[in-house]
Each structure stands twice: as C-alpha cells, then as structure tokens.
Amino acid sequence: MRTPAVVGFAVNLLVGGVALYASARYLVYRDRYGHGDVGHAVLTAVIGAVTWAVLSQVPLVGTVLAFVGWLGVVRFRYPGGWRKAVTLAAAAWAVAVVLVAVLSLAGLEAVSAVGVPGV
C-alpha cells in the first residue's frame, strides 16, 4: 500500500524538525530554562527547505549558495553566532541521519529529513 504524499511529507518534515529540535536543545539551550519547542524547529525546517529549494536553482553556485542560505536561516532562528549555527547544523544533520536510519530499520522506506540538507 502506498503512503499518501501529504503523510510522507509530514513524516519527513517531522524528522527534520525533531533533528533541529534535539540539536538546538542540547547545543543552544542546555544551560537555559525555556528552550525552543518542536514547533519552532519544524518552522525552521520549513523555512530552511524553501530557502534551499529556491537558492539551489542558481546556476554554477546554487548548492553552495543554498547551503549558506540554509545556514543563515538556522543562524537567524536560533541565538548565537555563526559558529553556533554551524555546530547546530552539523549536529542536526547527524541526528537526522540517525533518525532516518532507525526509521528505515523499522520498515519505513523512503524517509528523509525535510529542512536538513543532505539527508
């Protein structure tokens, strides 16, 4: 049985949002009370995915421009400087890879992480 496209997109977006949330909670908010919620992370994933989709269409430099744009979205949406944004992005990518692998082992095929490039 095929999964409807909307359900598949929602699952993939949730994977990306959870990866950003888990990374931000540990890296950005670990010493503070009142960290960002999953909704904030999912919205960040949506904005990041749209930014990636638009900027990746630029000829020759699209991939680099898209990555810098996605990193800028992470930098804008979470406190800290560019170094914190790079660290958060790398951690979100690692968490997304693990989540996708676990979901694949659980039998969910064609799972990806919307809003986290390269997963």
C-alpha atoms as a PDB file:
ATOM      1  CA  MET A   1       0.000   0.000   0.000  1.00  0.00           C
ATOM      2  CA  ARG A   2       1.353   3.432  -0.947  1.00  0.00           C
ATOM      3  CA  THR A   3       1.567   6.192   1.592  1.00  0.00           C
ATOM      4  CA  PRO A   4      -0.181   9.421   0.545  1.00  0.00           C
ATOM      5  CA  ALA A   5       2.245  12.189  -0.404  1.00  0.00           C
ATOM      6  CA  VAL A   6       0.987  14.505   2.331  1.00  0.00           C
ATOM      7  CA  VAL A   7       1.647  11.889   5.025  1.00  0.00           C
ATOM      8  CA  GLY A   8       5.101  11.201   3.615  1.00  0.00           C
ATOM      9  CA  PHE A   9       5.936  14.907   3.558  1.00  0.00           C
ATOM     10  CA  ALA A  10       4.649  15.329   7.123  1.00  0.00           C
ATOM     11  CA  VAL A  11       6.794  12.435   8.383  1.00  0.00           C
ATOM     12  CA  ASN A  12       9.877  13.766   6.579  1.00  0.00           C
ATOM     13  CA  LEU A  13       9.250  17.274   7.901  1.00  0.00           C
ATOM     14  CA  LEU A  14       8.820  15.917  11.418  1.00  0.00           C
ATOM     15  CA  VAL A  15      12.138  14.065  11.126  1.00  0.00           C
ATOM     16  CA  GLY A  16      13.877  17.308  10.090  1.00  0.00           C
ATOM     17  CA  GLY A  17      12.149  19.278  12.841  1.00  0.00           C
ATOM     18  CA  VAL A  18      12.999  16.736  15.543  1.00  0.00           C
ATOM     19  CA  ALA A  19      16.631  16.703  14.392  1.00  0.00           C
ATOM     20  CA  LEU A  20      16.818  20.507  14.656  1.00  0.00           C
ATOM     21  CA  TYR A  21      14.966  20.485  17.989  1.00  0.00           C
ATOM     22  CA  ALA A  22      17.204  17.846  19.568  1.00  0.00           C
ATOM     23  CA  SER A  23      20.348  19.590  18.391  1.00  0.00           C
ATOM     24  CA  ALA A  24      19.172  23.035  19.481  1.00  0.00           C
ATOM     25  CA  ARG A  25      18.054  21.782  22.858  1.00  0.00           C
ATOM     26  CA  TYR A  26      21.459  20.288  23.570  1.00  0.00           C
ATOM     27  CA  LEU A  27      23.706  22.871  21.920  1.00  0.00           C
ATOM     28  CA  VAL A  28      21.866  26.172  22.256  1.00  0.00           C
ATOM     29  CA  TYR A  29      19.575  25.889  25.249  1.00  0.00           C
ATOM     30  CA  ARG A  30      21.296  23.389  27.526  1.00  0.00           C
ATOM     31  CA  ASP A  31      22.057  25.974  30.216  1.00  0.00           C
ATOM     32  CA  ARG A  32      18.818  27.930  29.924  1.00  0.00           C
ATOM     33  CA  TYR A  33      15.294  27.337  31.060  1.00  0.00           C
ATOM     34  CA  GLY A  34      12.585  27.574  28.420  1.00  0.00           C
ATOM     35  CA  HIS A  35      14.178  26.196  25.273  1.00  0.00           C
ATOM     36  CA  GLY A  36      12.524  26.440  21.862  1.00  0.00           C
ATOM     37  CA  ASP A  37       9.774  23.955  21.155  1.00  0.00           C
ATOM     38  CA  VAL A  38       9.318  21.420  18.368  1.00  0.00           C
ATOM     39  CA  GLY A  39       7.023  23.823  16.508  1.00  0.00           C
ATOM     40  CA  HIS A  40       9.838  26.373  16.308  1.00  0.00           C
ATOM     41  CA  ALA A  41      12.156  23.684  14.941  1.00  0.00           C
ATOM     42  CA  VAL A  42       9.593  22.461  12.387  1.00  0.00           C
ATOM     43  CA  LEU A  43       9.017  26.033  11.176  1.00  0.00           C
ATOM     44  CA  THR A  44      12.788  26.451  10.899  1.00  0.00           C
ATOM     45  CA  ALA A  45      12.897  23.248   8.836  1.00  0.00           C
ATOM     46  CA  VAL A  46      10.174  24.561   6.512  1.00  0.00           C
ATOM     47  CA  ILE A  47      11.914  27.920   6.027  1.00  0.00           C
ATOM     48  CA  GLY A  48      15.227  26.144   5.511  1.00  0.00           C
ATOM     49  CA  ALA A  49      13.741  23.742   2.953  1.00  0.00           C
ATOM     50  CA  VAL A  50      12.164  26.586   0.980  1.00  0.00           C
ATOM     51  CA  THR A  51      15.408  28.563   1.107  1.00  0.00           C
ATOM     52  CA  TRP A  52      17.338  25.507  -0.108  1.00  0.00           C
ATOM     53  CA  ALA A  53      14.838  24.859  -2.923  1.00  0.00           C
ATOM     54  CA  VAL A  54      14.964  28.435  -4.188  1.00  0.00           C
ATOM     55  CA  LEU A  55      18.704  29.081  -3.912  1.00  0.00           C
ATOM     56  CA  SER A  56      19.786  25.707  -5.271  1.00  0.00           C
ATOM     57  CA  GLN A  57      18.356  26.714  -8.663  1.00  0.00           C
ATOM     58  CA  VAL A  58      21.118  29.315  -9.206  1.00  0.00           C
ATOM     59  CA  PRO A  59      23.457  28.066 -11.932  1.00  0.00           C
ATOM     60  CA  LEU A  60      27.044  27.094 -11.010  1.00  0.00           C
ATOM     61  CA  VAL A  61      26.961  28.173  -7.364  1.00  0.00           C
ATOM     62  CA  GLY A  62      23.483  27.002  -6.390  1.00  0.00           C
ATOM     63  CA  THR A  63      24.491  24.287  -3.950  1.00  0.00           C
ATOM     64  CA  VAL A  64      26.961  26.490  -2.084  1.00  0.00           C
ATOM     65  CA  LEU A  65      24.544  29.416  -2.066  1.00  0.00           C
ATOM     66  CA  ALA A  66      21.733  27.148  -0.865  1.00  0.00           C
ATOM     67  CA  PHE A  67      23.850  25.807   1.986  1.00  0.00           C
ATOM     68  CA  VAL A  68      24.873  29.307   3.093  1.00  0.00           C
ATOM     69  CA  GLY A  69      21.217  30.389   2.882  1.00  0.00           C
ATOM     70  CA  TRP A  70      20.092  27.396   4.951  1.00  0.00           C
ATOM     71  CA  LEU A  71      22.824  28.119   7.482  1.00  0.00           C
ATOM     72  CA  GLY A  72      21.624  31.732   7.593  1.00  0.00           C
ATOM     73  CA  VAL A  73      18.116  30.524   8.418  1.00  0.00           C
ATOM     74  CA  VAL A  74      19.496  28.463  11.316  1.00  0.00           C
ATOM     75  CA  ARG A  75      21.582  31.475  12.438  1.00  0.00           C
ATOM     76  CA  PHE A  76      18.549  33.774  12.299  1.00  0.00           C
ATOM     77  CA  ARG A  77      16.149  31.401  14.077  1.00  0.00           C
ATOM     78  CA  TYR A  78      18.419  30.401  16.995  1.00  0.00           C
ATOM     79  CA  PRO A  79      20.532  32.525  19.334  1.00  0.00           C
ATOM     80  CA  GLY A  80      24.308  32.555  18.985  1.00  0.00           C
ATOM     81  CA  GLY A  81      26.710  33.456  16.247  1.00  0.00           C
ATOM     82  CA  TRP A  82      27.771  31.790  13.039  1.00  0.00           C
ATOM     83  CA  ARG A  83      29.950  29.277  14.881  1.00  0.00           C
ATOM     84  CA  LYS A  84      26.962  28.138  16.929  1.00  0.00           C
ATOM     85  CA  ALA A  85      24.870  27.921  13.743  1.00  0.00           C
ATOM     86  CA  VAL A  86      27.490  25.728  12.034  1.00  0.00           C
ATOM     87  CA  THR A  87      27.692  23.485  15.098  1.00  0.00           C
ATOM     88  CA  LEU A  88      23.907  23.280  15.318  1.00  0.00           C
ATOM     89  CA  ALA A  89      23.630  22.483  11.605  1.00  0.00           C
ATOM     90  CA  ALA A  90      26.220  19.696  11.823  1.00  0.00           C
ATOM     91  CA  ALA A  91      24.533  18.222  14.890  1.00  0.00           C
ATOM     92  CA  ALA A  92      21.095  18.409  13.242  1.00  0.00           C
ATOM     93  CA  TRP A  93      22.486  16.603  10.203  1.00  0.00           C
ATOM     94  CA  ALA A  94      23.952  13.839  12.406  1.00  0.00           C
ATOM     95  CA  VAL A  95      20.706  13.436  14.368  1.00  0.00           C
ATOM     96  CA  ALA A  96      18.700  13.340  11.126  1.00  0.00           C
ATOM     97  CA  VAL A  97      20.963  10.616   9.700  1.00  0.00           C
ATOM     98  CA  VAL A  98      20.426   8.503  12.820  1.00  0.00           C
ATOM     99  CA  LEU A  99      16.654   9.092  12.790  1.00  0.00           C
ATOM    100  CA  VAL A 100      16.389   8.158   9.110  1.00  0.00           C
ATOM    101  CA  ALA A 101      18.463   5.007   9.715  1.00  0.00           C
ATOM    102  CA  VAL A 102      16.310   3.963  12.690  1.00  0.00           C
ATOM    103  CA  LEU A 103      13.084   4.582  10.760  1.00  0.00           C
ATOM    104  CA  SER A 104      14.448   2.622   7.801  1.00  0.00           C
ATOM    105  CA  LEU A 105      15.272  -0.288  10.092  1.00  0.00           C
ATOM    106  CA  ALA A 106      11.737  -0.066  11.474  1.00  0.00           C
ATOM    107  CA  GLY A 107      10.374  -0.596   7.977  1.00  0.00           C
ATOM    108  CA  LEU A 108       9.581   2.949   6.860  1.00  0.00           C
ATOM    109  CA  GLU A 109      11.114   3.223   3.423  1.00  0.00           C
ATOM    110  CA  ALA A 110      11.935   6.434   1.551  1.00  0.00           C
ATOM    111  CA  VAL A 111      12.201   8.522   4.715  1.00  0.00           C
ATOM    112  CA  SER A 112      14.255  11.705   4.556  1.00  0.00           C
ATOM    113  CA  ALA A 113      14.610  14.847   6.631  1.00  0.00           C
ATOM    114  CA  VAL A 114      12.933  17.901   5.120  1.00  0.00           C
ATOM    115  CA  GLY A 115      14.754  21.011   6.263  1.00  0.00           C
ATOM    116  CA  VAL A 116      18.093  19.304   6.873  1.00  0.00           C
ATOM    117  CA  PRO A 117      20.173  19.222   3.682  1.00  0.00           C
ATOM    118  CA  GLY A 118      21.846  16.048   2.559  1.00  0.00           C
ATOM    119  CA  VAL A 119      19.680  13.566   4.452  1.00  0.00           C
END
